[in-house]
Amino acid sequence: MEKRYSRNRIYLRAEEQLFIKSHKILLAGAGIGSNIAECALRFGFESLTIVDGDLVEESNLNRQNYQMQDIGKPKAEALKKRLLNINPQANIMAISTFIDDTNVEELLKGQDIAVNALDFKSEIPFVFDECCQKHHIPVIHPYNLGWIGLVVVVMPGGNQLREVSDNWENFEVKFVEHLIHDFNLKIQPESGFEEIITQFKNEKEILPPPQLSVASWIVAGLCTNLMFYIATGLEVKQYPQFYMASALFP
């Protein structure tokens, strides 16, 4: 095992470390995807493609993996620069464009695992998953719920998120409510989590959901763990099962 990953020993065998090095990961979205990318790279996934057409904004800095000097720059390019500063030998591709119907098929070619961190501003997150199904690519869905990290895995031939709702508008809220109520999640009442959802739904302006750095990094660890499990053929929970982590759970 090379020196860079020497502290991964025992947790990973040398052959596993070498295997994941070339395992191709597509990060669709470089918001929460920026946190996931760094965790995955430090773990040993060295072949990452980052696709995002957004520019870094100051409001991103409370939770995403950027710095003041990145404001106004394309997220994909800023993230690539950061990752190469960590590992100059990594194969990092930055594509500063939005994923849509015209490019999704091409972007997915040759990928082994996809992270769907796309905003639900259109049907594209659903289209992305459908194309992953077509190309037999496992998809990891990360969600920042403030104090809670939530991750869902959609495997080829498995259940799809569309089963919750075909309507992309406010999908994240509908999906979270579905999990909390339908699966009877026991979140500590004093957390005020359900009140947060209610307040967000009642906001008069159309605003993005409130999110914290806490969940971004929880999710990054969960996603990297799942990438390793999927890459090495270990069993993972598939949607409608899910992974959640937080100090809010008793």
C-alpha atoms as a PDB file:
ATOM      1  CA  MET A   1       0.000   0.000   0.000  1.00  0.00           C
ATOM      2  CA  GLU A   2       1.501   3.349  -1.023  1.00  0.00           C
ATOM      3  CA  LYS A   3       2.539   5.793   1.687  1.00  0.00           C
ATOM      4  CA  ARG A   4      -0.369   8.179   1.017  1.00  0.00           C
ATOM      5  CA  TYR A   5      -2.836   5.507   2.101  1.00  0.00           C
ATOM      6  CA  SER A   6      -0.718   3.769   4.732  1.00  0.00           C
ATOM      7  CA  ARG A   7      -3.119   4.797   7.506  1.00  0.00           C
ATOM      8  CA  ASN A   8      -5.959   3.080   5.622  1.00  0.00           C
ATOM      9  CA  ARG A   9      -4.296  -0.263   6.395  1.00  0.00           C
ATOM     10  CA  ILE A  10      -6.334  -2.964   8.147  1.00  0.00           C
ATOM     11  CA  TYR A  11      -9.542  -1.138   7.148  1.00  0.00           C
ATOM     12  CA  LEU A  12      -8.640  -1.743   3.492  1.00  0.00           C
ATOM     13  CA  ARG A  13      -6.543  -4.494   1.990  1.00  0.00           C
ATOM     14  CA  ALA A  14      -3.780  -3.404  -0.398  1.00  0.00           C
ATOM     15  CA  GLU A  15      -5.623  -4.914  -3.365  1.00  0.00           C
ATOM     16  CA  GLU A  16      -8.833  -3.056  -2.432  1.00  0.00           C
ATOM     17  CA  GLN A  17      -6.948   0.227  -2.163  1.00  0.00           C
ATOM     18  CA  LEU A  18      -5.449  -0.331  -5.597  1.00  0.00           C
ATOM     19  CA  PHE A  19      -8.795  -1.375  -7.085  1.00  0.00           C
ATOM     20  CA  ILE A  20     -10.750   1.734  -6.032  1.00  0.00           C
ATOM     21  CA  LYS A  21      -7.992   4.023  -7.327  1.00  0.00           C
ATOM     22  CA  SER A  22      -9.256   3.676 -10.892  1.00  0.00           C
ATOM     23  CA  HIS A  23     -12.953   3.210 -10.060  1.00  0.00           C
ATOM     24  CA  LYS A  24     -14.740   5.984 -11.948  1.00  0.00           C
ATOM     25  CA  ILE A  25     -17.028   8.242  -9.891  1.00  0.00           C
ATOM     26  CA  LEU A  26     -19.308  10.853 -11.482  1.00  0.00           C
ATOM     27  CA  LEU A  27     -20.327  13.709  -9.185  1.00  0.00           C
ATOM     28  CA  ALA A  28     -23.431  15.287 -10.679  1.00  0.00           C
ATOM     29  CA  GLY A  29     -23.526  18.575  -8.784  1.00  0.00           C
ATOM     30  CA  ALA A  30     -20.688  20.253  -6.881  1.00  0.00           C
ATOM     31  CA  GLY A  31     -22.642  21.658  -3.952  1.00  0.00           C
ATOM     32  CA  ILE A  32     -22.776  18.871  -1.383  1.00  0.00           C
ATOM     33  CA  GLY A  33     -20.837  16.997  -4.038  1.00  0.00           C
ATOM     34  CA  SER A  34     -17.829  19.165  -3.176  1.00  0.00           C
ATOM     35  CA  ASN A  35     -17.657  17.676   0.330  1.00  0.00           C
ATOM     36  CA  ILE A  36     -18.189  14.160  -0.998  1.00  0.00           C
ATOM     37  CA  ALA A  37     -15.446  14.613  -3.596  1.00  0.00           C
ATOM     38  CA  GLU A  38     -12.783  15.483  -1.025  1.00  0.00           C
ATOM     39  CA  CYS A  39     -13.721  12.654   1.327  1.00  0.00           C
ATOM     40  CA  ALA A  40     -13.721  10.166  -1.566  1.00  0.00           C
ATOM     41  CA  LEU A  41     -10.373  11.425  -2.861  1.00  0.00           C
ATOM     42  CA  ARG A  42      -8.681  11.240   0.533  1.00  0.00           C
ATOM     43  CA  PHE A  43     -10.057   7.695   0.916  1.00  0.00           C
ATOM     44  CA  GLY A  44      -8.474   6.642  -2.365  1.00  0.00           C
ATOM     45  CA  PHE A  45     -10.948   7.173  -5.199  1.00  0.00           C
ATOM     46  CA  GLU A  46      -8.671   8.968  -7.643  1.00  0.00           C
ATOM     47  CA  SER A  47     -10.811   9.026 -10.793  1.00  0.00           C
ATOM     48  CA  LEU A  48     -13.464  11.703 -10.303  1.00  0.00           C
ATOM     49  CA  THR A  49     -15.571  13.600 -12.831  1.00  0.00           C
ATOM     50  CA  ILE A  50     -17.256  16.751 -11.489  1.00  0.00           C
ATOM     51  CA  VAL A  51     -20.139  18.269 -13.451  1.00  0.00           C
ATOM     52  CA  ASP A  52     -21.759  21.555 -12.406  1.00  0.00           C
ATOM     53  CA  GLY A  53     -22.565  24.792 -14.226  1.00  0.00           C
ATOM     54  CA  ASP A  54     -22.868  26.962 -11.103  1.00  0.00           C
ATOM     55  CA  LEU A  55     -20.479  29.617  -9.856  1.00  0.00           C
ATOM     56  CA  VAL A  56     -19.353  29.732  -6.235  1.00  0.00           C
ATOM     57  CA  GLU A  57     -21.401  32.184  -4.133  1.00  0.00           C
ATOM     58  CA  GLU A  58     -20.773  33.509  -0.640  1.00  0.00           C
ATOM     59  CA  SER A  59     -23.903  31.738   0.612  1.00  0.00           C
ATOM     60  CA  ASN A  60     -22.247  28.412  -0.313  1.00  0.00           C
ATOM     61  CA  LEU A  61     -19.445  28.895   2.194  1.00  0.00           C
ATOM     62  CA  ASN A  62     -21.455  27.867   5.264  1.00  0.00           C
ATOM     63  CA  ARG A  63     -21.473  24.226   4.102  1.00  0.00           C
ATOM     64  CA  GLN A  64     -19.767  23.604   0.762  1.00  0.00           C
ATOM     65  CA  ASN A  65     -16.081  22.875   0.193  1.00  0.00           C
ATOM     66  CA  TYR A  66     -14.992  26.272  -1.141  1.00  0.00           C
ATOM     67  CA  GLN A  67     -13.075  29.345   0.045  1.00  0.00           C
ATOM     68  CA  MET A  68     -13.542  33.116  -0.243  1.00  0.00           C
ATOM     69  CA  GLN A  69     -11.077  33.215  -3.128  1.00  0.00           C
ATOM     70  CA  ASP A  70     -13.354  30.855  -5.096  1.00  0.00           C
ATOM     71  CA  ILE A  71     -16.352  33.227  -5.158  1.00  0.00           C
ATOM     72  CA  GLY A  72     -17.392  33.952  -8.730  1.00  0.00           C
ATOM     73  CA  LYS A  73     -15.456  31.007 -10.144  1.00  0.00           C
ATOM     74  CA  PRO A  74     -17.022  27.877 -11.682  1.00  0.00           C
ATOM     75  CA  LYS A  75     -17.613  25.342  -8.920  1.00  0.00           C
ATOM     76  CA  ALA A  76     -16.287  22.418 -10.939  1.00  0.00           C
ATOM     77  CA  GLU A  77     -12.995  24.168 -11.720  1.00  0.00           C
ATOM     78  CA  ALA A  78     -12.524  25.499  -8.170  1.00  0.00           C
ATOM     79  CA  LEU A  79     -13.126  22.041  -6.746  1.00  0.00           C
ATOM     80  CA  LYS A  80     -10.753  20.413  -9.218  1.00  0.00           C
ATOM     81  CA  LYS A  81      -7.999  22.829  -8.167  1.00  0.00           C
ATOM     82  CA  ARG A  82      -8.585  22.016  -4.487  1.00  0.00           C
ATOM     83  CA  LEU A  83      -8.546  18.271  -5.094  1.00  0.00           C
ATOM     84  CA  LEU A  84      -5.352  18.394  -7.150  1.00  0.00           C
ATOM     85  CA  ASN A  85      -3.702  20.333  -4.329  1.00  0.00           C
ATOM     86  CA  ILE A  86      -4.491  17.317  -2.149  1.00  0.00           C
ATOM     87  CA  ASN A  87      -3.415  14.715  -4.714  1.00  0.00           C
ATOM     88  CA  PRO A  88      -1.700  16.050  -7.858  1.00  0.00           C
ATOM     89  CA  GLN A  89      -1.606  12.559  -9.394  1.00  0.00           C
ATOM     90  CA  ALA A  90      -5.392  12.092  -9.241  1.00  0.00           C
ATOM     91  CA  ASN A  91      -7.435  11.948 -12.437  1.00  0.00           C
ATOM     92  CA  ILE A  92      -9.870  14.824 -11.861  1.00  0.00           C
ATOM     93  CA  MET A  93     -12.095  16.037 -14.700  1.00  0.00           C
ATOM     94  CA  ALA A  94     -14.079  19.267 -14.256  1.00  0.00           C
ATOM     95  CA  ILE A  95     -16.979  19.986 -16.609  1.00  0.00           C
ATOM     96  CA  SER A  96     -18.503  23.420 -16.033  1.00  0.00           C
ATOM     97  CA  THR A  97     -21.930  22.828 -17.476  1.00  0.00           C
ATOM     98  CA  PHE A  98     -25.414  21.961 -16.278  1.00  0.00           C
ATOM     99  CA  ILE A  99     -26.629  18.425 -16.836  1.00  0.00           C
ATOM    100  CA  ASP A 100     -29.616  18.255 -19.149  1.00  0.00           C
ATOM    101  CA  ASP A 101     -31.326  15.985 -21.685  1.00  0.00           C
ATOM    102  CA  THR A 102     -28.694  16.735 -24.320  1.00  0.00           C
ATOM    103  CA  ASN A 103     -25.570  15.709 -22.396  1.00  0.00           C
ATOM    104  CA  VAL A 104     -26.563  13.263 -19.659  1.00  0.00           C
ATOM    105  CA  GLU A 105     -26.039  10.136 -21.762  1.00  0.00           C
ATOM    106  CA  GLU A 106     -22.545  11.190 -22.838  1.00  0.00           C
ATOM    107  CA  LEU A 107     -21.518  12.197 -19.299  1.00  0.00           C
ATOM    108  CA  LEU A 108     -22.464   8.796 -17.903  1.00  0.00           C
ATOM    109  CA  LYS A 109     -20.467   6.768 -20.406  1.00  0.00           C
ATOM    110  CA  GLY A 110     -17.827   4.644 -18.713  1.00  0.00           C
ATOM    111  CA  GLN A 111     -18.751   5.662 -15.150  1.00  0.00           C
ATOM    112  CA  ASP A 112     -18.882   3.040 -12.400  1.00  0.00           C
ATOM    113  CA  ILE A 113     -20.826   4.935  -9.706  1.00  0.00           C
ATOM    114  CA  ALA A 114     -22.824   8.169  -9.898  1.00  0.00           C
ATOM    115  CA  VAL A 115     -23.647  10.655  -7.143  1.00  0.00           C
ATOM    116  CA  ASN A 116     -26.894  12.470  -7.910  1.00  0.00           C
ATOM    117  CA  ALA A 117     -26.473  15.771  -6.082  1.00  0.00           C
ATOM    118  CA  LEU A 118     -28.545  17.731  -8.601  1.00  0.00           C
ATOM    119  CA  ASP A 119     -30.985  20.390  -7.471  1.00  0.00           C
ATOM    120  CA  PHE A 120     -34.644  19.606  -8.038  1.00  0.00           C
ATOM    121  CA  LYS A 121     -35.255  22.656 -10.242  1.00  0.00           C
ATOM    122  CA  SER A 122     -36.556  20.483 -13.068  1.00  0.00           C
ATOM    123  CA  GLU A 123     -37.085  16.839 -14.024  1.00  0.00           C
ATOM    124  CA  ILE A 124     -33.351  16.367 -14.646  1.00  0.00           C
ATOM    125  CA  PRO A 125     -32.583  14.505 -11.368  1.00  0.00           C
ATOM    126  CA  PHE A 126     -35.216  11.936 -12.389  1.00  0.00           C
ATOM    127  CA  VAL A 127     -33.875  11.785 -15.949  1.00  0.00           C
ATOM    128  CA  PHE A 128     -30.358  11.300 -14.562  1.00  0.00           C
ATOM    129  CA  ASP A 129     -31.470   8.285 -12.524  1.00  0.00           C
ATOM    130  CA  GLU A 130     -33.301   6.804 -15.504  1.00  0.00           C
ATOM    131  CA  CYS A 131     -30.149   7.045 -17.612  1.00  0.00           C
ATOM    132  CA  CYS A 132     -28.136   5.429 -14.811  1.00  0.00           C
ATOM    133  CA  GLN A 133     -30.627   2.568 -14.793  1.00  0.00           C
ATOM    134  CA  LYS A 134     -30.214   2.219 -18.554  1.00  0.00           C
ATOM    135  CA  HIS A 135     -26.423   2.015 -18.224  1.00  0.00           C
ATOM    136  CA  HIS A 136     -26.496  -0.179 -15.081  1.00  0.00           C
ATOM    137  CA  ILE A 137     -24.827   2.445 -12.894  1.00  0.00           C
ATOM    138  CA  PRO A 138     -25.548   2.540  -9.128  1.00  0.00           C
ATOM    139  CA  VAL A 139     -26.671   5.987  -7.933  1.00  0.00           C
ATOM    140  CA  ILE A 140     -26.031   7.530  -4.531  1.00  0.00           C
ATOM    141  CA  HIS A 141     -28.395  10.328  -3.440  1.00  0.00           C
ATOM    142  CA  PRO A 142     -27.073  12.632  -0.667  1.00  0.00           C
ATOM    143  CA  TYR A 143     -29.311  14.975   1.382  1.00  0.00           C
ATOM    144  CA  ASN A 144     -28.308  17.715   3.809  1.00  0.00           C
ATOM    145  CA  LEU A 145     -30.980  17.930   6.525  1.00  0.00           C
ATOM    146  CA  GLY A 146     -29.148  20.365   8.752  1.00  0.00           C
ATOM    147  CA  TRP A 147     -28.167  18.229  11.737  1.00  0.00           C
ATOM    148  CA  ILE A 148     -28.958  15.025   9.855  1.00  0.00           C
ATOM    149  CA  GLY A 149     -27.158  13.336   6.985  1.00  0.00           C
ATOM    150  CA  LEU A 150     -29.385  11.225   4.734  1.00  0.00           C
ATOM    151  CA  VAL A 151     -28.210   8.987   1.890  1.00  0.00           C
ATOM    152  CA  VAL A 152     -30.246   6.790  -0.432  1.00  0.00           C
ATOM    153  CA  VAL A 153     -28.834   4.207  -2.847  1.00  0.00           C
ATOM    154  CA  VAL A 154     -30.679   3.412  -6.079  1.00  0.00           C
ATOM    155  CA  MET A 155     -29.331   0.272  -7.739  1.00  0.00           C
ATOM    156  CA  PRO A 156     -29.898  -0.849 -11.335  1.00  0.00           C
ATOM    157  CA  GLY A 157     -33.257  -2.591 -11.566  1.00  0.00           C
ATOM    158  CA  GLY A 158     -34.282  -1.396  -8.106  1.00  0.00           C
ATOM    159  CA  ASN A 159     -36.906   0.983  -6.763  1.00  0.00           C
ATOM    160  CA  GLN A 160     -36.831   4.579  -8.012  1.00  0.00           C
ATOM    161  CA  LEU A 161     -37.359   7.883  -6.177  1.00  0.00           C
ATOM    162  CA  ARG A 162     -40.148   8.706  -8.631  1.00  0.00           C
ATOM    163  CA  GLU A 163     -42.250   6.259  -6.647  1.00  0.00           C
ATOM    164  CA  VAL A 164     -42.594   8.941  -3.961  1.00  0.00           C
ATOM    165  CA  SER A 165     -43.713  11.606  -6.419  1.00  0.00           C
ATOM    166  CA  ASP A 166     -43.513  12.278 -10.161  1.00  0.00           C
ATOM    167  CA  ASN A 167     -43.514  16.021  -9.470  1.00  0.00           C
ATOM    168  CA  TRP A 168     -40.035  17.551  -9.069  1.00  0.00           C
ATOM    169  CA  GLU A 169     -41.331  20.701  -7.317  1.00  0.00           C
ATOM    170  CA  ASN A 170     -40.460  20.619  -3.586  1.00  0.00           C
ATOM    171  CA  PHE A 171     -39.437  17.000  -4.070  1.00  0.00           C
ATOM    172  CA  GLU A 172     -36.818  17.095  -1.303  1.00  0.00           C
ATOM    173  CA  VAL A 173     -39.395  18.172   1.280  1.00  0.00           C
ATOM    174  CA  LYS A 174     -41.905  15.561   0.132  1.00  0.00           C
ATOM    175  CA  PHE A 175     -39.212  12.887   0.201  1.00  0.00           C
ATOM    176  CA  VAL A 176     -38.032  13.746   3.721  1.00  0.00           C
ATOM    177  CA  GLU A 177     -41.616  13.844   5.030  1.00  0.00           C
ATOM    178  CA  HIS A 178     -42.217  10.483   3.377  1.00  0.00           C
ATOM    179  CA  LEU A 179     -39.260   8.946   5.205  1.00  0.00           C
ATOM    180  CA  ILE A 180     -40.094  10.496   8.578  1.00  0.00           C
ATOM    181  CA  HIS A 181     -43.766   9.615   8.592  1.00  0.00           C
ATOM    182  CA  ASP A 182     -43.906   6.397   6.583  1.00  0.00           C
ATOM    183  CA  PHE A 183     -40.903   4.847   8.324  1.00  0.00           C
ATOM    184  CA  ASN A 184     -41.738   6.221  11.790  1.00  0.00           C
ATOM    185  CA  LEU A 185     -38.298   7.712  12.351  1.00  0.00           C
ATOM    186  CA  LYS A 186     -37.641   8.464  16.004  1.00  0.00           C
ATOM    187  CA  ILE A 187     -36.036  11.906  15.974  1.00  0.00           C
ATOM    188  CA  GLN A 188     -35.691  13.572  19.354  1.00  0.00           C
ATOM    189  CA  PRO A 189     -38.618  16.014  19.801  1.00  0.00           C
ATOM    190  CA  GLU A 190     -36.362  18.732  21.233  1.00  0.00           C
ATOM    191  CA  SER A 191     -34.488  18.887  17.925  1.00  0.00           C
ATOM    192  CA  GLY A 192     -37.390  20.832  16.409  1.00  0.00           C
ATOM    193  CA  PHE A 193     -36.754  19.061  13.090  1.00  0.00           C
ATOM    194  CA  GLU A 194     -40.388  18.790  12.042  1.00  0.00           C
ATOM    195  CA  GLU A 195     -40.918  22.426  13.041  1.00  0.00           C
ATOM    196  CA  ILE A 196     -38.021  23.400  10.758  1.00  0.00           C
ATOM    197  CA  ILE A 197     -39.723  21.637   7.839  1.00  0.00           C
ATOM    198  CA  THR A 198     -43.012  23.404   8.627  1.00  0.00           C
ATOM    199  CA  GLN A 199     -41.322  26.815   8.819  1.00  0.00           C
ATOM    200  CA  PHE A 200     -39.561  26.219   5.517  1.00  0.00           C
ATOM    201  CA  LYS A 201     -42.831  25.227   3.804  1.00  0.00           C
ATOM    202  CA  ASN A 202     -44.509  28.355   5.193  1.00  0.00           C
ATOM    203  CA  GLU A 203     -41.857  30.811   3.998  1.00  0.00           C
ATOM    204  CA  LYS A 204     -43.464  33.417   1.754  1.00  0.00           C
ATOM    205  CA  GLU A 205     -40.455  33.729  -0.536  1.00  0.00           C
ATOM    206  CA  ILE A 206     -39.250  30.896  -2.740  1.00  0.00           C
ATOM    207  CA  LEU A 207     -35.926  30.127  -1.099  1.00  0.00           C
ATOM    208  CA  PRO A 208     -33.555  27.149  -1.109  1.00  0.00           C
ATOM    209  CA  PRO A 209     -33.823  24.935   1.979  1.00  0.00           C
ATOM    210  CA  PRO A 210     -31.745  25.817   5.069  1.00  0.00           C
ATOM    211  CA  GLN A 211     -28.678  23.579   5.409  1.00  0.00           C
ATOM    212  CA  LEU A 212     -25.703  23.223   7.765  1.00  0.00           C
ATOM    213  CA  SER A 213     -22.078  22.169   7.344  1.00  0.00           C
ATOM    214  CA  VAL A 214     -22.753  19.394   9.893  1.00  0.00           C
ATOM    215  CA  ALA A 215     -24.843  17.298   7.508  1.00  0.00           C
ATOM    216  CA  SER A 216     -22.595  18.013   4.517  1.00  0.00           C
ATOM    217  CA  TRP A 217     -19.678  16.274   6.183  1.00  0.00           C
ATOM    218  CA  ILE A 218     -21.793  13.477   7.674  1.00  0.00           C
ATOM    219  CA  VAL A 219     -23.097  12.766   4.185  1.00  0.00           C
ATOM    220  CA  ALA A 220     -19.591  12.900   2.696  1.00  0.00           C
ATOM    221  CA  GLY A 221     -18.490  10.096   5.005  1.00  0.00           C
ATOM    222  CA  LEU A 222     -21.589   8.008   4.360  1.00  0.00           C
ATOM    223  CA  CYS A 223     -21.276   8.365   0.586  1.00  0.00           C
ATOM    224  CA  THR A 224     -17.594   7.449   0.580  1.00  0.00           C
ATOM    225  CA  ASN A 225     -18.324   4.388   2.722  1.00  0.00           C
ATOM    226  CA  LEU A 226     -21.063   3.350   0.287  1.00  0.00           C
ATOM    227  CA  MET A 227     -18.829   3.928  -2.758  1.00  0.00           C
ATOM    228  CA  PHE A 228     -16.332   1.486  -1.258  1.00  0.00           C
ATOM    229  CA  TYR A 229     -19.026  -1.080  -0.477  1.00  0.00           C
ATOM    230  CA  ILE A 230     -20.527  -0.858  -3.963  1.00  0.00           C
ATOM    231  CA  ALA A 231     -17.135  -0.915  -5.705  1.00  0.00           C
ATOM    232  CA  THR A 232     -15.982  -4.008  -3.804  1.00  0.00           C
ATOM    233  CA  GLY A 233     -19.276  -5.870  -4.115  1.00  0.00           C
ATOM    234  CA  LEU A 234     -20.383  -5.629  -0.500  1.00  0.00           C
ATOM    235  CA  GLU A 235     -24.095  -5.478   0.283  1.00  0.00           C
ATOM    236  CA  VAL A 236     -25.736  -2.075   0.745  1.00  0.00           C
ATOM    237  CA  LYS A 237     -29.247  -1.042   1.722  1.00  0.00           C
ATOM    238  CA  GLN A 238     -31.218  -0.026  -1.360  1.00  0.00           C
ATOM    239  CA  TYR A 239     -34.117   2.395  -1.591  1.00  0.00           C
ATOM    240  CA  PRO A 240     -36.692   2.320  -0.002  1.00  0.00           C
ATOM    241  CA  GLN A 241     -34.197   1.578   2.762  1.00  0.00           C
ATOM    242  CA  PHE A 242     -31.784   4.399   3.544  1.00  0.00           C
ATOM    243  CA  TYR A 243     -28.920   5.625   5.701  1.00  0.00           C
ATOM    244  CA  MET A 244     -29.294   8.415   8.267  1.00  0.00           C
ATOM    245  CA  ALA A 245     -26.777   9.684  10.820  1.00  0.00           C
ATOM    246  CA  SER A 246     -27.095  12.371  13.495  1.00  0.00           C
ATOM    247  CA  ALA A 247     -26.630  13.020  17.197  1.00  0.00           C
ATOM    248  CA  LEU A 248     -30.396  13.670  17.232  1.00  0.00           C
ATOM    249  CA  PHE A 249     -31.216   9.966  17.216  1.00  0.00           C
ATOM    250  CA  PRO A 250     -31.647   8.389  20.666  1.00  0.00           C
END
